[in-house]
Amino acid sequence: MDEVMRAADAVALTKTTSSELSPAIMPANLPLLSAFLACSLAQFLKLFTTWYKEKRWDSKRMLDSGGMPSSHSATVMALTVAIGLQEGTSGPAFAIAFVLACVVMYDASGVRLHAGQQAELLNQIVCELPPEHPLSNARPLRDSLGHTPLQVVAGAVLGCLVAYLMRSTN
């Protein structure tokens, strides 16, 4: 026997479909929004941590890598925690985000930190070269590339907080 759709069923289906298509005040992709917000907040906080450490305002810090807190760590941890809260920790999306977070934070406190230290040392060596040396006028290398473990942990904590707060407001 063929089923007949009642008018109430059609209205309910229309409401469900139209509400899914209508733009919401808050985007539906909470993990993505959490990641972007955590990154932006970490970059903004670098203004204040730079002022606290160096007693000067440097707006360029909002666009630079390195410094306190790690925006890379904040971004990947916010993404990982938001996915874990939304979909649980047993799915492949959480596994991918977790592994990505581990790689990014290891890279920030290991490889990039050491590359920055090497750049700082090379800049000192170039400064000590005699003026007639071909490299004496070389542009200095960027030495603020990586993060100390404390900066990585601070970024990770910030990312977790942002994801939890975003989830609680949803």
Protein backbone atom coordinates (compact mmCIF):
# COMPACT_ATOMS: atom_id res chain seq x y z
CA MET A 1 0.00 0.00 0.00
CA ASP A 2 1.37 3.42 -0.97
CA GLU A 3 1.92 5.89 1.81
CA VAL A 4 0.36 9.31 1.51
CA MET A 5 2.11 12.39 2.76
CA ARG A 6 -0.07 14.41 5.05
CA ALA A 7 -0.05 18.20 5.03
CA ALA A 8 1.47 18.30 8.53
CA ASP A 9 4.37 16.13 7.32
CA ALA A 10 4.97 18.45 4.37
CA VAL A 11 4.95 21.54 6.60
CA ALA A 12 7.38 19.91 9.06
CA LEU A 13 9.68 18.90 6.19
CA THR A 14 9.56 22.43 4.74
CA LYS A 15 10.41 24.02 8.10
CA THR A 16 13.35 21.67 8.62
CA THR A 17 14.72 22.23 5.12
CA SER A 18 14.26 26.01 5.14
CA SER A 19 15.88 26.41 8.58
CA GLU A 20 18.91 24.45 7.41
CA LEU A 21 19.28 26.72 4.40
CA SER A 22 18.67 30.05 6.13
CA PRO A 23 21.76 31.94 7.21
CA ALA A 24 22.33 31.78 10.94
CA ILE A 25 23.81 34.42 13.16
CA MET A 26 26.58 31.97 14.10
CA PRO A 27 28.07 29.81 11.33
CA ALA A 28 27.30 26.12 11.60
CA ASN A 29 30.94 25.05 11.48
CA LEU A 30 31.84 25.62 15.11
CA PRO A 31 35.29 23.95 14.92
CA LEU A 32 36.34 26.24 12.07
CA LEU A 33 35.01 29.34 13.81
CA SER A 34 36.73 28.31 17.07
CA ALA A 35 40.04 27.86 15.26
CA PHE A 36 39.86 31.27 13.57
CA LEU A 37 38.81 33.00 16.78
CA ALA A 38 41.60 31.36 18.79
CA CYS A 39 44.18 32.36 16.17
CA SER A 40 42.94 35.95 16.08
CA LEU A 41 42.84 36.22 19.86
CA ALA A 42 46.36 34.81 20.22
CA GLN A 43 47.72 37.25 17.65
CA PHE A 44 45.94 40.14 19.41
CA LEU A 45 47.33 39.08 22.81
CA LYS A 46 50.86 39.31 21.40
CA LEU A 47 50.50 43.09 21.51
CA PHE A 48 50.16 42.97 25.29
CA THR A 49 52.77 40.30 25.94
CA THR A 50 55.26 42.27 23.84
CA TRP A 51 54.44 45.43 25.79
CA TYR A 52 54.84 43.57 29.10
CA LYS A 53 58.20 42.11 28.07
CA GLU A 54 59.71 44.99 26.08
CA LYS A 55 57.72 48.00 27.41
CA ARG A 56 56.80 49.10 23.89
CA TRP A 57 53.78 48.73 21.60
CA ASP A 58 54.51 46.89 18.38
CA SER A 59 51.48 46.41 16.13
CA LYS A 60 53.58 44.29 13.72
CA ARG A 61 53.51 41.51 16.33
CA MET A 62 49.88 40.85 15.37
CA LEU A 63 51.07 39.53 12.02
CA ASP A 64 54.37 37.90 13.02
CA SER A 65 55.05 34.33 13.99
CA GLY A 66 56.70 33.51 17.29
CA GLY A 67 56.00 35.07 20.64
CA MET A 68 53.53 34.56 23.46
CA PRO A 69 51.06 32.88 23.08
CA SER A 70 51.54 30.58 20.11
CA SER A 71 48.75 31.27 17.64
CA HIS A 72 49.55 28.05 15.79
CA SER A 73 49.00 26.04 18.97
CA ALA A 74 45.85 27.98 19.83
CA THR A 75 44.45 27.36 16.36
CA VAL A 76 45.04 23.61 16.20
CA MET A 77 43.96 23.01 19.79
CA ALA A 78 40.74 24.98 19.33
CA LEU A 79 40.04 22.94 16.20
CA THR A 80 40.82 19.64 17.95
CA VAL A 81 38.81 20.37 21.09
CA ALA A 82 35.84 21.74 19.12
CA ILE A 83 35.74 18.62 16.95
CA GLY A 84 36.02 16.44 20.05
CA LEU A 85 33.15 18.28 21.73
CA GLN A 86 30.96 18.27 18.64
CA GLU A 87 31.57 14.80 17.21
CA GLY A 88 33.25 12.90 20.03
CA THR A 89 36.79 11.61 20.21
CA SER A 90 36.28 8.29 18.46
CA GLY A 91 35.83 9.60 14.91
CA PRO A 92 38.39 10.08 12.16
CA ALA A 93 37.99 13.89 12.16
CA PHE A 94 39.17 14.09 15.77
CA ALA A 95 42.07 11.73 15.05
CA ILE A 96 43.22 13.87 12.12
CA ALA A 97 42.92 17.09 14.13
CA PHE A 98 44.74 15.57 17.12
CA VAL A 99 47.67 14.34 15.02
CA LEU A 100 47.82 17.71 13.23
CA ALA A 101 47.89 19.50 16.59
CA CYS A 102 50.72 17.30 17.84
CA VAL A 103 52.79 17.88 14.69
CA VAL A 104 52.21 21.65 14.68
CA MET A 105 53.05 22.08 18.37
CA TYR A 106 56.14 19.85 18.12
CA ASP A 107 57.29 21.80 15.08
CA ALA A 108 56.69 25.16 16.79
CA SER A 109 58.69 24.27 19.90
CA GLY A 110 61.33 22.21 18.13
CA VAL A 111 62.23 22.81 14.51
CA ARG A 112 61.01 26.42 14.19
CA LEU A 113 62.45 27.41 17.58
CA HIS A 114 65.88 26.10 16.62
CA ALA A 115 65.70 27.66 13.16
CA GLY A 116 65.04 31.02 14.84
CA GLN A 117 67.98 30.55 17.18
CA GLN A 118 70.23 29.72 14.23
CA ALA A 119 69.01 32.82 12.39
CA GLU A 120 69.83 34.95 15.43
CA LEU A 121 73.34 33.50 15.58
CA LEU A 122 73.87 34.01 11.84
CA ASN A 123 72.73 37.62 12.14
CA GLN A 124 75.35 38.19 14.87
CA ILE A 125 78.06 36.62 12.71
CA VAL A 126 77.12 38.82 9.72
CA CYS A 127 77.27 41.93 11.93
CA GLU A 128 80.85 41.08 12.87
CA LEU A 129 82.03 40.70 9.27
CA PRO A 130 84.35 43.38 7.91
CA PRO A 131 82.61 46.01 5.74
CA GLU A 132 84.36 44.76 2.57
CA HIS A 133 82.90 41.24 2.94
CA PRO A 134 80.17 40.50 0.33
CA LEU A 135 77.70 39.40 3.02
CA SER A 136 78.25 42.35 5.37
CA ASN A 137 75.28 44.19 3.84
CA ALA A 138 72.98 41.18 3.78
CA ARG A 139 69.48 41.73 5.11
CA PRO A 140 69.06 40.19 8.59
CA LEU A 141 67.25 36.87 8.82
CA ARG A 142 63.96 36.66 10.72
CA ASP A 143 64.75 35.13 14.08
CA SER A 144 61.29 35.10 15.67
CA LEU A 145 60.04 31.89 14.10
CA GLY A 146 59.29 29.36 16.80
CA HIS A 147 58.06 29.17 20.36
CA THR A 148 59.33 28.14 23.74
CA PRO A 149 57.46 25.24 25.32
CA LEU A 150 55.70 27.73 27.64
CA GLN A 151 54.45 29.75 24.66
CA VAL A 152 53.16 26.54 23.03
CA VAL A 153 51.36 25.46 26.21
CA ALA A 154 49.85 28.94 26.64
CA GLY A 155 48.56 28.83 23.07
CA ALA A 156 47.15 25.33 23.57
CA VAL A 157 45.35 26.37 26.76
CA LEU A 158 43.96 29.44 24.99
CA GLY A 159 42.70 27.23 22.14
CA CYS A 160 41.00 24.85 24.58
CA LEU A 161 39.32 27.75 26.39
CA VAL A 162 38.06 29.28 23.17
CA ALA A 163 36.62 25.96 21.98
CA TYR A 164 34.88 25.33 25.31
CA LEU A 165 33.48 28.85 25.44
CA MET A 166 32.30 28.69 21.83
CA ARG A 167 30.61 25.37 22.53
CA SER A 168 28.89 26.71 25.65
CA THR A 169 27.50 29.74 23.79
CA ASN A 170 26.10 27.56 21.00
